[in-house]
Amino acid sequence: MESQKINSLQNIFSSRLDTLSHLLNVAESHFGESIGSLLQRRIAPDMFPFGTQIAFTCNQPRNFALWCLGQAESNLNPNVDSLAEVRGHIASTQELLKSINVTDVKLSEIKRIDFGQGLYAEVSGLMYVDDFLMPNFYFHMTTAYDIMRMAGAPIGKRDFMRHFLPFVKHQDNG
């Protein structure tokens, strides 16, 4: 049986993590030595800081890969205090994604999601991916992007949608 959906998810997670690395490169180039202060920036006082947003972004594909490999979830340390640690989170998540080798039948399995305080959900693997992992992934990635924009990094939609640029064509009006 082919693994079209699993492969597609690997590609989505991987390409968006590449985008996150690109955004960090732009921010680092813009802020220089002061980029370290970006790690503690927040959109709102009750939201997690930039470094934590990166860790949480990586946790989604990371836990997807671990689930596919039959291993227990393992979230990254959310208390990120260096750009090297942020880059390490992205790189280790990328490597973990490359190790997935399962069929799409995995998506029909029941997945238990524990939320803490005795709360949990039992859903199909497909629902786990589509309704839990992907929304959380994009939420934290977008929040990290928004923090970079708010701090003044010269990034825009073209940077966020890099994965789509190879499909964009220019119409010749000649």
Protein backbone atom coordinates (compact mmCIF):
# COMPACT_ATOMS: atom_id res chain seq x y z
CA MET A 1 0.00 0.00 0.00
CA GLU A 2 1.30 3.43 -0.89
CA SER A 3 1.90 6.09 1.71
CA GLN A 4 0.68 9.12 -0.21
CA LYS A 5 -0.89 10.95 2.74
CA ILE A 6 2.03 10.18 5.09
CA ASN A 7 4.53 11.33 2.44
CA SER A 8 2.49 14.45 1.82
CA LEU A 9 2.49 15.26 5.54
CA GLN A 10 6.25 14.73 5.73
CA ASN A 11 6.70 17.13 2.80
CA ILE A 12 4.35 19.75 4.26
CA PHE A 13 6.02 19.70 7.66
CA SER A 14 9.51 19.67 6.15
CA SER A 15 8.91 22.51 3.68
CA ARG A 16 7.27 24.69 6.34
CA LEU A 17 10.18 24.06 8.71
CA ASP A 18 12.44 25.17 5.83
CA THR A 19 10.31 28.33 5.68
CA LEU A 20 10.76 28.83 9.41
CA SER A 21 14.54 28.54 8.96
CA HIS A 22 14.38 31.10 6.15
CA LEU A 23 12.38 33.49 8.36
CA LEU A 24 15.00 33.10 11.10
CA ASN A 25 17.77 33.84 8.61
CA VAL A 26 16.05 37.06 7.55
CA ALA A 27 15.44 38.05 11.17
CA GLU A 28 19.04 37.29 12.11
CA SER A 29 20.31 39.33 9.19
CA HIS A 30 18.04 42.22 10.17
CA PHE A 31 18.60 42.22 13.94
CA GLY A 32 22.24 41.09 14.03
CA GLU A 33 23.59 40.65 17.55
CA SER A 34 20.34 41.81 19.15
CA ILE A 35 18.34 38.85 17.80
CA GLY A 36 18.62 37.17 21.21
CA SER A 37 16.07 39.62 22.61
CA LEU A 38 13.57 38.37 20.02
CA LEU A 39 13.40 35.01 21.82
CA GLN A 40 11.48 36.56 24.72
CA ARG A 41 9.13 38.76 22.66
CA ARG A 42 5.39 38.03 22.86
CA ILE A 43 2.32 39.18 20.98
CA ALA A 44 0.36 39.47 24.21
CA PRO A 45 1.32 39.05 27.89
CA ASP A 46 -0.64 35.79 28.22
CA MET A 47 0.96 34.19 25.15
CA PHE A 48 4.20 32.23 25.01
CA PRO A 49 7.38 33.99 23.81
CA PHE A 50 8.96 33.58 20.39
CA GLY A 51 11.40 30.84 21.41
CA THR A 52 8.59 28.76 22.89
CA GLN A 53 6.51 29.29 19.74
CA ILE A 54 9.35 27.75 17.72
CA ALA A 55 9.57 24.76 20.09
CA PHE A 56 5.78 24.27 19.91
CA THR A 57 5.88 24.56 16.10
CA CYS A 58 8.48 21.77 16.03
CA ASN A 59 6.57 19.62 18.52
CA GLN A 60 3.77 18.98 16.03
CA PRO A 61 5.83 17.30 13.27
CA ARG A 62 8.10 15.81 15.92
CA ASN A 63 5.23 14.04 17.68
CA PHE A 64 3.75 13.04 14.32
CA ALA A 65 7.03 11.34 13.42
CA LEU A 66 7.32 9.67 16.82
CA TRP A 67 3.74 8.39 16.55
CA CYS A 68 4.48 7.00 13.07
CA LEU A 69 7.58 5.30 14.50
CA GLY A 70 5.55 3.77 17.35
CA GLN A 71 7.34 5.84 19.98
CA ALA A 72 5.98 7.96 22.82
CA GLU A 73 5.50 11.69 22.36
CA SER A 74 8.44 13.81 23.43
CA ASN A 75 8.00 17.56 23.46
CA LEU A 76 10.99 19.85 23.15
CA ASN A 77 12.07 22.08 26.00
CA PRO A 78 9.87 25.19 25.66
CA ASN A 79 12.34 27.42 27.52
CA VAL A 80 14.45 28.34 24.52
CA ASP A 81 17.20 30.85 25.27
CA SER A 82 19.44 30.89 22.21
CA LEU A 83 19.22 31.05 18.45
CA ALA A 84 21.41 27.94 18.29
CA GLU A 85 18.80 26.06 20.33
CA VAL A 86 16.02 27.25 18.00
CA ARG A 87 18.00 26.08 14.97
CA GLY A 88 18.73 22.78 16.73
CA HIS A 89 15.02 22.20 17.33
CA ILE A 90 14.27 22.74 13.66
CA ALA A 91 17.17 20.56 12.45
CA SER A 92 16.42 17.66 14.82
CA THR A 93 12.75 17.77 13.82
CA GLN A 94 13.70 17.70 10.15
CA GLU A 95 15.91 14.65 10.76
CA LEU A 96 13.17 12.87 12.67
CA LEU A 97 10.71 13.48 9.82
CA LYS A 98 13.11 11.80 7.39
CA SER A 99 13.01 8.61 9.46
CA ILE A 100 9.29 7.95 8.90
CA ASN A 101 8.59 4.86 6.82
CA VAL A 102 4.99 3.72 7.36
CA THR A 103 1.91 3.24 5.22
CA ASP A 104 -1.25 5.30 5.26
CA VAL A 105 -2.99 2.52 7.23
CA LYS A 106 -1.40 4.20 10.28
CA LEU A 107 -3.95 6.99 9.82
CA SER A 108 -6.83 4.61 10.58
CA GLU A 109 -5.43 3.74 14.01
CA ILE A 110 -6.92 5.29 17.13
CA LYS A 111 -4.69 7.93 18.67
CA ARG A 112 -5.04 9.10 22.25
CA ILE A 113 -4.20 12.76 22.81
CA ASP A 114 -3.52 13.64 26.44
CA PHE A 115 -4.12 17.27 27.41
CA GLY A 116 -3.18 17.04 31.10
CA GLN A 117 -5.39 17.38 34.15
CA GLY A 118 -7.06 14.08 33.24
CA LEU A 119 -8.35 15.37 29.89
CA TYR A 120 -7.82 13.38 26.71
CA ALA A 121 -9.36 12.59 23.32
CA GLU A 122 -9.35 9.35 21.35
CA VAL A 123 -9.53 10.01 17.62
CA SER A 124 -8.54 8.38 14.35
CA GLY A 125 -5.00 9.02 13.19
CA LEU A 126 -6.36 11.06 10.32
CA MET A 127 -8.34 13.27 12.71
CA TYR A 128 -5.25 13.54 14.92
CA VAL A 129 -3.29 14.92 11.97
CA ASP A 130 -5.96 17.05 10.30
CA ASP A 131 -7.75 18.46 13.35
CA PHE A 132 -5.03 18.57 16.00
CA LEU A 133 -1.47 18.58 14.61
CA MET A 134 -1.91 20.77 11.54
CA PRO A 135 -3.94 23.55 13.22
CA ASN A 136 -1.47 23.63 16.13
CA PHE A 137 1.48 23.61 13.74
CA TYR A 138 0.20 26.58 11.74
CA PHE A 139 -0.96 28.44 14.85
CA HIS A 140 2.50 28.39 16.45
CA MET A 141 4.33 29.00 13.16
CA THR A 142 2.08 31.98 12.38
CA THR A 143 2.51 33.32 15.90
CA ALA A 144 6.31 33.11 15.51
CA TYR A 145 6.00 34.90 12.15
CA ASP A 146 3.80 37.58 13.72
CA ILE A 147 6.30 38.17 16.52
CA MET A 148 9.08 38.61 13.95
CA ARG A 149 6.93 41.06 11.97
CA MET A 150 5.94 42.95 15.12
CA ALA A 151 9.62 43.24 16.05
CA GLY A 152 10.38 44.78 12.65
CA ALA A 153 11.83 41.89 10.64
CA PRO A 154 11.49 42.62 6.91
CA ILE A 155 9.38 39.57 6.10
CA GLY A 156 6.09 39.24 4.28
CA LYS A 157 3.64 36.79 2.80
CA ARG A 158 6.10 35.80 0.07
CA ASP A 159 8.50 34.64 2.80
CA PHE A 160 5.74 32.74 4.64
CA MET A 161 4.47 31.08 1.44
CA ARG A 162 7.90 30.11 0.02
CA HIS A 163 6.73 26.55 -0.55
CA PHE A 164 4.26 27.84 -3.17
CA LEU A 165 6.64 30.04 -5.19
CA PRO A 166 7.78 27.27 -7.60
CA PHE A 167 4.19 27.10 -8.90
CA VAL A 168 3.80 30.84 -9.53
CA LYS A 169 4.14 31.92 -13.15
CA HIS A 170 4.31 35.31 -14.79
CA GLN A 171 1.95 35.93 -17.69
CA ASP A 172 3.67 37.51 -20.65
CA ASN A 173 1.54 40.34 -22.04
CA GLY A 174 3.46 40.56 -25.29
